Protein backbone atom coordinates (compact mmCIF):
# COMPACT_ATOMS: atom_id res chain seq x y z
CA MET A 1 -26.52 318.99 3.35
CA PRO A 2 -22.97 320.02 3.70
CA GLU A 3 -21.11 320.13 6.98
CA PRO A 4 -20.97 323.47 8.62
CA GLU A 5 -17.71 325.22 8.65
CA ARG A 6 -15.98 324.97 12.01
CA ARG A 7 -12.55 326.52 11.37
CA THR A 8 -11.74 329.78 13.17
CA SER A 9 -9.18 330.92 10.59
CA VAL A 10 -9.14 330.85 6.62
CA ARG A 11 -7.05 328.24 5.21
CA HIS A 12 -4.74 328.80 2.22
CA ARG A 13 -3.93 326.18 -0.47
CA VAL A 14 -0.39 325.03 -0.20
CA PHE A 15 1.89 322.08 -1.64
CA LYS A 16 4.54 321.58 0.89
CA GLY A 17 6.65 318.69 2.04
CA ALA A 18 6.58 317.77 5.76
CA SER A 19 7.11 314.83 8.06
CA ILE A 20 4.97 313.70 10.94
CA GLU A 21 7.39 312.77 13.81
CA PHE A 22 6.44 310.57 16.76
CA GLY A 23 8.23 307.62 18.86
CA GLY A 24 11.61 308.27 17.32
CA GLY A 25 10.14 307.76 13.61
CA ALA A 26 8.86 309.80 10.85
CA ILE A 27 6.35 309.70 8.23
CA ASP A 28 6.54 311.74 4.87
CA CYS A 29 3.43 313.90 4.25
CA THR A 30 2.42 316.77 2.06
CA ILE A 31 0.42 319.74 3.51
CA ARG A 32 -2.39 320.59 1.09
CA ASN A 33 -3.78 323.60 2.92
CA ARG A 34 -2.94 325.59 6.07
CA SER A 35 -3.91 328.15 8.56
CA ASP A 36 -2.76 329.88 11.63
CA GLY A 37 -4.52 327.16 13.73
CA GLY A 38 -4.17 323.82 11.49
CA ALA A 39 -3.60 322.29 8.17
CA THR A 40 -4.74 319.23 6.09
CA LEU A 41 -1.99 316.69 5.51
CA GLU A 42 -2.01 314.04 2.77
CA VAL A 43 -0.26 310.79 3.77
CA ALA A 44 0.48 307.27 1.91
CA SER A 45 -1.65 305.65 4.75
CA PRO A 46 -3.01 307.04 8.09
CA VAL A 47 -2.56 303.79 9.72
CA GLY A 48 -0.22 304.12 12.79
CA ILE A 49 -0.14 307.77 12.97
CA PRO A 50 -1.05 308.69 16.68
CA GLU A 51 -3.52 311.44 17.66
CA ARG A 52 -0.59 313.70 18.94
CA PHE A 53 2.72 314.23 17.11
CA SER A 54 5.18 316.78 15.84
CA LEU A 55 4.97 318.20 12.34
CA GLN A 56 8.38 319.17 10.72
CA ILE A 57 7.54 321.49 7.91
CA LYS A 58 10.65 321.76 5.48
CA GLY A 59 12.43 324.94 6.25
CA GLU A 60 10.41 325.80 9.63
CA THR A 61 10.29 324.85 13.08
CA SER A 62 8.71 321.70 14.49
CA ARG A 63 5.35 322.27 15.56
CA LYS A 64 3.13 320.31 18.00
CA CYS A 65 -0.18 318.94 16.45
CA ARG A 66 -3.19 316.97 17.43
CA THR A 67 -5.57 315.09 14.97
CA VAL A 68 -9.13 316.35 14.36
CA TRP A 69 -10.27 314.22 11.69
CA ARG A 70 -9.33 311.31 9.37
CA ARG A 71 -10.54 310.71 5.86
CA ASP A 72 -8.91 308.29 3.61
CA LYS A 73 -5.39 309.55 3.07
CA ARG A 74 -5.88 313.02 4.47
CA ILE A 75 -5.62 314.10 8.16
CA GLY A 76 -6.88 317.33 9.46
CA ILE A 77 -4.83 318.76 12.47
CA ALA A 78 -4.60 321.48 14.89
CA PHE A 79 -1.44 323.05 15.85
CA CYS A 80 -1.19 323.04 19.70
């Protein structure tokens, strides 16, 4: 049985470069889908990525985020 939908807003597919910034460092990622409230990020490895970080989307202002879920090389985030 599929998981019930918990998103409060519709997500749109995107393929946009970004970076996860924390503790003075950064990890490149790709935004795979996005809504007003959050996004799914694809990373080379989720190891070492903290629960809270800033997401710098190319051409946009940095956004504070928190991790909602992790699966393989994908991370679901909510914008704070």
